[in-house]
Amino acid sequence: MNSSIVRDGYDRMANKYLSERDKLKTAKYLQQLMKYLPKNANVLDLGCGAGVPVDDILIKAGHEVLGLDISKEQIKLARKNCPRGDYAVADIAELKENEYQMDGIVCFYTLFHLPRTQHKKLLTIMRSFLRKNGMLLVTMGDREFEGKHVMHGEEMWSSQFGTTKNAQLVTGAGFEILLNEIDNSGGERHQIILARKI
């Protein structure tokens, strides 16, 4: 089962992933997101990992963060690293429409661990979580791929479309794209999309 590959892989690599995470330069995208957030916004971090740097940056800027991750080991680290955040072990594939009401959602390096046939559904669910003019910051794949691969020495599974299809999914789910670019930090390539609920 693909979700167990993802969960177990992130459990095993928790500390190694944390030690390498700063190579992915995501702070500049969070700064862009925060330009559109209200003061003391509620932000949902899907696939929050160990909480740093994303949640730490948001919390220090005065925002409230709820982080969800399929890996219990990542959640343990997040609670330690960001004690002012709220965290829970959860599989984002099981989220339901209107389950939360938030001002913003961050979904870094997470969506492509779900089957790509489910991406549009999850984007639509994420839209239902957002208040009027709510913001979404999401990482998506830079090319078509589906299958197993090795990540930080552990077996992992990913499923993704290419950049054009990804943008179509985001707009089709009811968002206006404000930023759409390829990020090459950390020796990786990811599509970063910042979008507003319409």
C-alpha atoms as a PDB file:
ATOM      1  CA  MET A   1       0.000   0.000   0.000  1.00  0.00           C
ATOM      2  CA  ASN A   2       1.491   3.347  -1.074  1.00  0.00           C
ATOM      3  CA  SER A   3       0.453   5.272   2.048  1.00  0.00           C
ATOM      4  CA  SER A   4       2.351   2.812   4.248  1.00  0.00           C
ATOM      5  CA  ILE A   5       5.485   3.239   2.098  1.00  0.00           C
ATOM      6  CA  VAL A   6       5.256   7.004   2.579  1.00  0.00           C
ATOM      7  CA  ARG A   7       4.459   6.798   6.294  1.00  0.00           C
ATOM      8  CA  ASP A   8       7.171   4.254   7.108  1.00  0.00           C
ATOM      9  CA  GLY A   9       9.747   6.039   4.958  1.00  0.00           C
ATOM     10  CA  TYR A  10       9.202   9.356   6.691  1.00  0.00           C
ATOM     11  CA  ASP A  11       9.205   7.648  10.098  1.00  0.00           C
ATOM     12  CA  ARG A  12      12.614   6.111   9.405  1.00  0.00           C
ATOM     13  CA  MET A  13      14.176   9.216   7.857  1.00  0.00           C
ATOM     14  CA  ALA A  14      12.699  11.732  10.325  1.00  0.00           C
ATOM     15  CA  ASN A  15      15.963  12.992  11.794  1.00  0.00           C
ATOM     16  CA  LYS A  16      17.911  12.819   8.521  1.00  0.00           C
ATOM     17  CA  TYR A  17      15.174  14.706   6.669  1.00  0.00           C
ATOM     18  CA  LEU A  18      15.170  17.377   9.376  1.00  0.00           C
ATOM     19  CA  SER A  19      18.939  17.797   9.111  1.00  0.00           C
ATOM     20  CA  GLU A  20      18.681  18.259   5.315  1.00  0.00           C
ATOM     21  CA  ARG A  21      15.460  20.296   5.129  1.00  0.00           C
ATOM     22  CA  ASP A  22      17.131  23.725   5.104  1.00  0.00           C
ATOM     23  CA  LYS A  23      18.605  22.944   1.680  1.00  0.00           C
ATOM     24  CA  LEU A  24      15.102  23.470   0.292  1.00  0.00           C
ATOM     25  CA  LYS A  25      14.791  27.255   0.309  1.00  0.00           C
ATOM     26  CA  THR A  26      11.120  27.753   1.055  1.00  0.00           C
ATOM     27  CA  ALA A  27      11.248  30.824   3.326  1.00  0.00           C
ATOM     28  CA  LYS A  28      10.926  33.230   0.389  1.00  0.00           C
ATOM     29  CA  TYR A  29       7.664  31.573  -0.639  1.00  0.00           C
ATOM     30  CA  LEU A  30       6.316  31.816   2.897  1.00  0.00           C
ATOM     31  CA  GLN A  31       7.119  35.535   2.835  1.00  0.00           C
ATOM     32  CA  GLN A  32       5.029  35.835  -0.332  1.00  0.00           C
ATOM     33  CA  LEU A  33       2.170  33.917   1.294  1.00  0.00           C
ATOM     34  CA  MET A  34       2.218  36.073   4.420  1.00  0.00           C
ATOM     35  CA  LYS A  35       1.738  39.231   2.354  1.00  0.00           C
ATOM     36  CA  TYR A  36      -1.806  37.996   1.678  1.00  0.00           C
ATOM     37  CA  LEU A  37      -2.667  36.613   5.124  1.00  0.00           C
ATOM     38  CA  PRO A  38      -4.609  38.602   7.716  1.00  0.00           C
ATOM     39  CA  LYS A  39      -2.979  39.356  11.042  1.00  0.00           C
ATOM     40  CA  ASN A  40      -2.928  36.346  13.393  1.00  0.00           C
ATOM     41  CA  ALA A  41      -4.113  34.051  10.611  1.00  0.00           C
ATOM     42  CA  ASN A  42      -4.990  30.388  11.070  1.00  0.00           C
ATOM     43  CA  VAL A  43      -2.772  28.301   8.788  1.00  0.00           C
ATOM     44  CA  LEU A  44      -3.086  24.591   8.067  1.00  0.00           C
ATOM     45  CA  ASP A  45       0.196  22.855   7.213  1.00  0.00           C
ATOM     46  CA  LEU A  46      -0.496  19.601   5.357  1.00  0.00           C
ATOM     47  CA  GLY A  47       2.536  17.340   5.517  1.00  0.00           C
ATOM     48  CA  CYS A  48       4.113  19.509   8.182  1.00  0.00           C
ATOM     49  CA  GLY A  49       7.091  17.247   8.831  1.00  0.00           C
ATOM     50  CA  ALA A  50       9.209  18.351  11.779  1.00  0.00           C
ATOM     51  CA  GLY A  51       7.700  21.845  11.866  1.00  0.00           C
ATOM     52  CA  VAL A  52      10.816  23.702  10.751  1.00  0.00           C
ATOM     53  CA  PRO A  53      11.324  25.872   8.921  1.00  0.00           C
ATOM     54  CA  VAL A  54       7.714  26.407   7.750  1.00  0.00           C
ATOM     55  CA  ASP A  55       5.695  26.414  10.965  1.00  0.00           C
ATOM     56  CA  ASP A  56       8.441  28.108  12.933  1.00  0.00           C
ATOM     57  CA  ILE A  57       8.437  31.031  10.473  1.00  0.00           C
ATOM     58  CA  LEU A  58       4.639  31.320  10.511  1.00  0.00           C
ATOM     59  CA  ILE A  59       4.377  31.155  14.301  1.00  0.00           C
ATOM     60  CA  LYS A  60       7.131  33.736  14.825  1.00  0.00           C
ATOM     61  CA  ALA A  61       5.206  36.043  12.459  1.00  0.00           C
ATOM     62  CA  GLY A  62       2.186  35.817  14.790  1.00  0.00           C
ATOM     63  CA  HIS A  63       0.122  33.197  12.965  1.00  0.00           C
ATOM     64  CA  GLU A  64      -1.528  30.114  14.470  1.00  0.00           C
ATOM     65  CA  VAL A  65      -0.531  26.791  12.903  1.00  0.00           C
ATOM     66  CA  LEU A  66      -2.202  23.401  12.781  1.00  0.00           C
ATOM     67  CA  GLY A  67       0.124  20.792  11.307  1.00  0.00           C
ATOM     68  CA  LEU A  68      -0.914  17.368  10.026  1.00  0.00           C
ATOM     69  CA  ASP A  69       1.443  14.593   8.954  1.00  0.00           C
ATOM     70  CA  ILE A  70       1.116  10.870   8.281  1.00  0.00           C
ATOM     71  CA  SER A  71       4.372  10.182  10.149  1.00  0.00           C
ATOM     72  CA  LYS A  72       4.175   9.940  13.931  1.00  0.00           C
ATOM     73  CA  GLU A  73       7.946  10.458  14.163  1.00  0.00           C
ATOM     74  CA  GLN A  74       7.706  13.717  12.219  1.00  0.00           C
ATOM     75  CA  ILE A  75       4.881  14.881  14.480  1.00  0.00           C
ATOM     76  CA  LYS A  76       6.995  14.121  17.568  1.00  0.00           C
ATOM     77  CA  LEU A  77       9.725  16.365  16.166  1.00  0.00           C
ATOM     78  CA  ALA A  78       7.234  19.098  15.235  1.00  0.00           C
ATOM     79  CA  ARG A  79       5.836  19.203  18.772  1.00  0.00           C
ATOM     80  CA  LYS A  80       9.372  19.516  20.116  1.00  0.00           C
ATOM     81  CA  ASN A  81      10.527  22.106  17.562  1.00  0.00           C
ATOM     82  CA  CYS A  82       7.344  24.229  17.562  1.00  0.00           C
ATOM     83  CA  PRO A  83       5.645  23.881  20.951  1.00  0.00           C
ATOM     84  CA  ARG A  84       3.282  26.767  20.099  1.00  0.00           C
ATOM     85  CA  GLY A  85       1.903  24.860  17.123  1.00  0.00           C
ATOM     86  CA  ASP A  86      -0.937  22.338  17.225  1.00  0.00           C
ATOM     87  CA  TYR A  87      -0.114  18.941  15.669  1.00  0.00           C
ATOM     88  CA  ALA A  88      -1.828  15.672  14.827  1.00  0.00           C
ATOM     89  CA  VAL A  89      -0.993  12.459  13.000  1.00  0.00           C
ATOM     90  CA  ALA A  90      -3.304  12.270   9.993  1.00  0.00           C
ATOM     91  CA  ASP A  91      -3.449  10.925   6.443  1.00  0.00           C
ATOM     92  CA  ILE A  92      -4.380  13.814   4.156  1.00  0.00           C
ATOM     93  CA  ALA A  93      -6.007  11.321   1.782  1.00  0.00           C
ATOM     94  CA  GLU A  94      -8.763  10.963   4.397  1.00  0.00           C
ATOM     95  CA  LEU A  95      -9.599  14.666   4.737  1.00  0.00           C
ATOM     96  CA  LYS A  96     -13.241  15.659   4.214  1.00  0.00           C
ATOM     97  CA  GLU A  97     -14.715  18.854   2.769  1.00  0.00           C
ATOM     98  CA  ASN A  98     -15.290  21.691   5.261  1.00  0.00           C
ATOM     99  CA  GLU A  99     -13.449  19.810   8.027  1.00  0.00           C
ATOM    100  CA  TYR A 100     -11.484  22.968   8.850  1.00  0.00           C
ATOM    101  CA  GLN A 101     -11.891  26.712   8.388  1.00  0.00           C
ATOM    102  CA  MET A 102      -8.574  28.434   7.774  1.00  0.00           C
ATOM    103  CA  ASP A 103      -7.077  31.618   6.335  1.00  0.00           C
ATOM    104  CA  GLY A 104      -4.243  29.790   4.609  1.00  0.00           C
ATOM    105  CA  ILE A 105      -2.935  26.356   3.705  1.00  0.00           C
ATOM    106  CA  VAL A 106       0.657  25.288   3.144  1.00  0.00           C
ATOM    107  CA  CYS A 107       1.279  21.953   1.430  1.00  0.00           C
ATOM    108  CA  PHE A 108       5.023  21.596   0.804  1.00  0.00           C
ATOM    109  CA  TYR A 109       6.441  18.374  -0.714  1.00  0.00           C
ATOM    110  CA  THR A 110       3.313  16.415   0.203  1.00  0.00           C
ATOM    111  CA  LEU A 111       0.636  16.380  -2.495  1.00  0.00           C
ATOM    112  CA  PHE A 112       2.709  14.181  -4.814  1.00  0.00           C
ATOM    113  CA  HIS A 113       2.773  11.396  -2.243  1.00  0.00           C
ATOM    114  CA  LEU A 114      -0.901  10.815  -3.096  1.00  0.00           C
ATOM    115  CA  PRO A 115      -1.990   9.171  -6.362  1.00  0.00           C
ATOM    116  CA  ARG A 116      -2.161  11.935  -8.972  1.00  0.00           C
ATOM    117  CA  THR A 117      -5.718  10.895  -9.789  1.00  0.00           C
ATOM    118  CA  GLN A 118      -6.612  12.224  -6.302  1.00  0.00           C
ATOM    119  CA  HIS A 119      -4.867  15.600  -6.629  1.00  0.00           C
ATOM    120  CA  LYS A 120      -7.861  17.493  -7.999  1.00  0.00           C
ATOM    121  CA  LYS A 121     -10.126  16.101  -5.275  1.00  0.00           C
ATOM    122  CA  LEU A 122      -7.712  17.135  -2.527  1.00  0.00           C
ATOM    123  CA  LEU A 123      -7.268  20.599  -4.021  1.00  0.00           C
ATOM    124  CA  THR A 124     -11.060  20.981  -4.014  1.00  0.00           C
ATOM    125  CA  ILE A 125     -11.168  19.832  -0.378  1.00  0.00           C
ATOM    126  CA  MET A 126      -8.433  22.317   0.503  1.00  0.00           C
ATOM    127  CA  ARG A 127     -10.478  25.090  -1.127  1.00  0.00           C
ATOM    128  CA  SER A 128     -13.428  24.137   1.101  1.00  0.00           C
ATOM    129  CA  PHE A 129     -11.202  24.692   4.153  1.00  0.00           C
ATOM    130  CA  LEU A 130     -10.411  28.268   3.194  1.00  0.00           C
ATOM    131  CA  ARG A 131     -12.305  31.379   4.192  1.00  0.00           C
ATOM    132  CA  LYS A 132     -13.053  34.092   1.615  1.00  0.00           C
ATOM    133  CA  ASN A 133      -9.854  35.038  -0.258  1.00  0.00           C
ATOM    134  CA  GLY A 134      -7.998  32.257   1.576  1.00  0.00           C
ATOM    135  CA  MET A 135      -4.504  31.418   0.354  1.00  0.00           C
ATOM    136  CA  LEU A 136      -2.900  28.169  -0.793  1.00  0.00           C
ATOM    137  CA  LEU A 137       0.858  27.595  -1.103  1.00  0.00           C
ATOM    138  CA  VAL A 138       1.541  24.188  -2.650  1.00  0.00           C
ATOM    139  CA  THR A 139       4.467  22.242  -4.069  1.00  0.00           C
ATOM    140  CA  MET A 140       3.778  20.045  -7.090  1.00  0.00           C
ATOM    141  CA  GLY A 141       5.865  17.894  -9.417  1.00  0.00           C
ATOM    142  CA  ASP A 142       7.958  19.370 -12.225  1.00  0.00           C
ATOM    143  CA  ARG A 143       7.326  16.421 -14.594  1.00  0.00           C
ATOM    144  CA  GLU A 144       5.134  13.374 -14.980  1.00  0.00           C
ATOM    145  CA  PHE A 145       6.166  10.475 -12.746  1.00  0.00           C
ATOM    146  CA  GLU A 146       4.575   7.715 -10.713  1.00  0.00           C
ATOM    147  CA  GLY A 147       6.346   5.006  -8.772  1.00  0.00           C
ATOM    148  CA  LYS A 148       8.865   4.100  -6.105  1.00  0.00           C
ATOM    149  CA  HIS A 149      12.159   5.897  -5.617  1.00  0.00           C
ATOM    150  CA  VAL A 150      14.792   6.353  -2.923  1.00  0.00           C
ATOM    151  CA  MET A 151      14.721   9.409  -0.681  1.00  0.00           C
ATOM    152  CA  HIS A 152      17.327   9.973   2.034  1.00  0.00           C
ATOM    153  CA  GLY A 153      18.175   6.296   1.795  1.00  0.00           C
ATOM    154  CA  GLU A 154      14.587   5.124   2.298  1.00  0.00           C
ATOM    155  CA  GLU A 155      12.012   3.712  -0.101  1.00  0.00           C
ATOM    156  CA  MET A 156       9.449   6.351  -1.091  1.00  0.00           C
ATOM    157  CA  TRP A 157       6.514   6.616  -3.492  1.00  0.00           C
ATOM    158  CA  SER A 158       5.394   9.627  -5.513  1.00  0.00           C
ATOM    159  CA  SER A 159       2.786  10.365  -8.170  1.00  0.00           C
ATOM    160  CA  GLN A 160       2.641  13.593 -10.129  1.00  0.00           C
ATOM    161  CA  PHE A 161       1.673  15.334 -13.341  1.00  0.00           C
ATOM    162  CA  GLY A 162       3.737  17.939 -15.150  1.00  0.00           C
ATOM    163  CA  THR A 163       3.608  21.681 -14.574  1.00  0.00           C
ATOM    164  CA  THR A 164       0.928  22.566 -17.143  1.00  0.00           C
ATOM    165  CA  LYS A 165      -1.514  19.951 -15.856  1.00  0.00           C
ATOM    166  CA  ASN A 166      -0.786  20.943 -12.257  1.00  0.00           C
ATOM    167  CA  ALA A 167      -1.709  24.568 -12.924  1.00  0.00           C
ATOM    168  CA  GLN A 168      -4.903  23.429 -14.650  1.00  0.00           C
ATOM    169  CA  LEU A 169      -5.821  21.357 -11.576  1.00  0.00           C
ATOM    170  CA  VAL A 170      -5.312  24.326  -9.256  1.00  0.00           C
ATOM    171  CA  THR A 171      -7.408  26.719 -11.342  1.00  0.00           C
ATOM    172  CA  GLY A 172      -9.994  23.997 -11.954  1.00  0.00           C
ATOM    173  CA  ALA A 173     -10.369  23.564  -8.201  1.00  0.00           C
ATOM    174  CA  GLY A 174     -11.390  27.208  -7.856  1.00  0.00           C
ATOM    175  CA  PHE A 175      -8.167  29.137  -7.335  1.00  0.00           C
ATOM    176  CA  GLU A 176      -6.525  32.149  -8.962  1.00  0.00           C
ATOM    177  CA  ILE A 177      -2.786  31.529  -9.391  1.00  0.00           C
ATOM    178  CA  LEU A 178      -0.643  34.443  -8.191  1.00  0.00           C
ATOM    179  CA  LEU A 179       2.779  32.779  -8.443  1.00  0.00           C
ATOM    180  CA  ASN A 180       3.859  29.761 -10.490  1.00  0.00           C
ATOM    181  CA  GLU A 181       7.544  28.920 -10.759  1.00  0.00           C
ATOM    182  CA  ILE A 182      10.107  26.155 -10.603  1.00  0.00           C
ATOM    183  CA  ASP A 183      12.281  26.046  -7.510  1.00  0.00           C
ATOM    184  CA  ASN A 184      15.685  24.356  -7.896  1.00  0.00           C
ATOM    185  CA  SER A 185      16.910  24.631  -4.324  1.00  0.00           C
ATOM    186  CA  GLY A 186      18.503  21.655  -2.609  1.00  0.00           C
ATOM    187  CA  GLY A 187      19.419  20.074  -5.933  1.00  0.00           C
ATOM    188  CA  GLU A 188      15.746  19.244  -6.540  1.00  0.00           C
ATOM    189  CA  ARG A 189      13.116  20.631  -8.919  1.00  0.00           C
ATOM    190  CA  HIS A 190       9.622  21.431  -7.716  1.00  0.00           C
ATOM    191  CA  GLN A 191       6.779  23.569  -9.009  1.00  0.00           C
ATOM    192  CA  ILE A 192       5.674  26.140  -6.437  1.00  0.00           C
ATOM    193  CA  ILE A 193       2.189  27.610  -6.767  1.00  0.00           C
ATOM    194  CA  LEU A 194       0.725  30.403  -4.644  1.00  0.00           C
ATOM    195  CA  ALA A 195      -2.998  30.776  -5.256  1.00  0.00           C
ATOM    196  CA  ARG A 196      -6.043  32.534  -3.845  1.00  0.00           C
ATOM    197  CA  LYS A 197      -9.512  31.070  -3.401  1.00  0.00           C
ATOM    198  CA  ILE A 198     -12.065  32.556  -5.794  1.00  0.00           C
END
